[in-house]
């Protein structure tokens, strides 16, 4: 089975606790000013969120 880059990006973003988000077909890292804040909040995706939707 060939690698599906879109699926890989979605899995990374979904499991990143808000540190990685998908913007179009690109994966972006979102780092807070205080790196101790990483993982303190867990982003939620709406059930009908489109592929590539930005997580807030």
Protein backbone atom coordinates (compact mmCIF):
# COMPACT_ATOMS: atom_id res chain seq x y z
CA UNK A 1 0.00 0.00 0.00
CA UNK A 2 1.49 3.36 -1.00
CA UNK A 3 2.07 6.10 1.57
CA UNK A 4 -0.80 8.58 1.83
CA UNK A 5 0.78 11.91 2.85
CA UNK A 6 -2.58 13.53 3.66
CA UNK A 7 -3.43 10.75 6.09
CA UNK A 8 0.00 10.98 7.71
CA UNK A 9 -0.36 14.76 8.19
CA UNK A 10 -3.83 14.31 9.70
CA UNK A 11 -2.56 11.71 12.17
CA UNK A 12 0.36 13.91 13.22
CA UNK A 13 -1.86 16.97 13.70
CA UNK A 14 -4.57 15.03 15.51
CA UNK A 15 -2.13 13.52 17.99
CA UNK A 16 -0.07 16.65 18.55
CA UNK A 17 -2.18 18.28 21.29
CA UNK A 18 -2.36 21.50 19.25
CA UNK A 19 1.35 21.80 18.54
CA UNK A 20 0.89 20.84 14.88
CA UNK A 21 -1.96 22.04 12.67
CA UNK A 22 -2.79 21.51 9.02
CA UNK A 23 -3.08 24.60 6.86
CA UNK A 24 -4.03 23.58 3.35
CA UNK A 25 -1.61 20.81 2.45
CA UNK A 26 1.08 21.95 4.89
CA UNK A 27 1.79 20.92 8.47
CA UNK A 28 2.63 23.86 10.73
CA UNK A 29 4.10 23.83 14.22
CA UNK A 30 2.47 26.19 16.71
CA UNK A 31 4.70 26.81 19.67
CA UNK A 32 3.63 29.01 22.60
CA UNK A 33 5.97 31.62 24.06
CA UNK A 34 6.22 29.45 27.18
CA UNK A 35 7.18 25.92 26.08
CA UNK A 36 5.91 24.58 29.42
CA UNK A 37 2.38 25.23 28.11
CA UNK A 38 2.65 22.49 25.48
CA UNK A 39 0.20 19.73 26.32
CA UNK A 40 -1.69 21.69 28.95
CA UNK A 41 -4.77 21.93 26.74
CA UNK A 42 -6.07 19.32 24.36
CA UNK A 43 -7.63 20.67 21.17
CA UNK A 44 -10.95 19.29 20.08
CA UNK A 45 -12.12 18.71 16.54
CA UNK A 46 -15.73 19.20 15.61
CA UNK A 47 -17.22 15.95 14.24
CA UNK A 48 -17.87 17.67 10.91
CA UNK A 49 -14.48 19.42 10.69
CA UNK A 50 -13.11 19.46 7.18
CA UNK A 51 -9.82 17.86 6.33
CA UNK A 52 -7.18 20.53 6.75
CA UNK A 53 -9.22 22.52 9.24
CA UNK A 54 -7.19 24.53 11.71
CA UNK A 55 -7.44 23.28 15.28
CA UNK A 56 -7.94 25.93 17.95
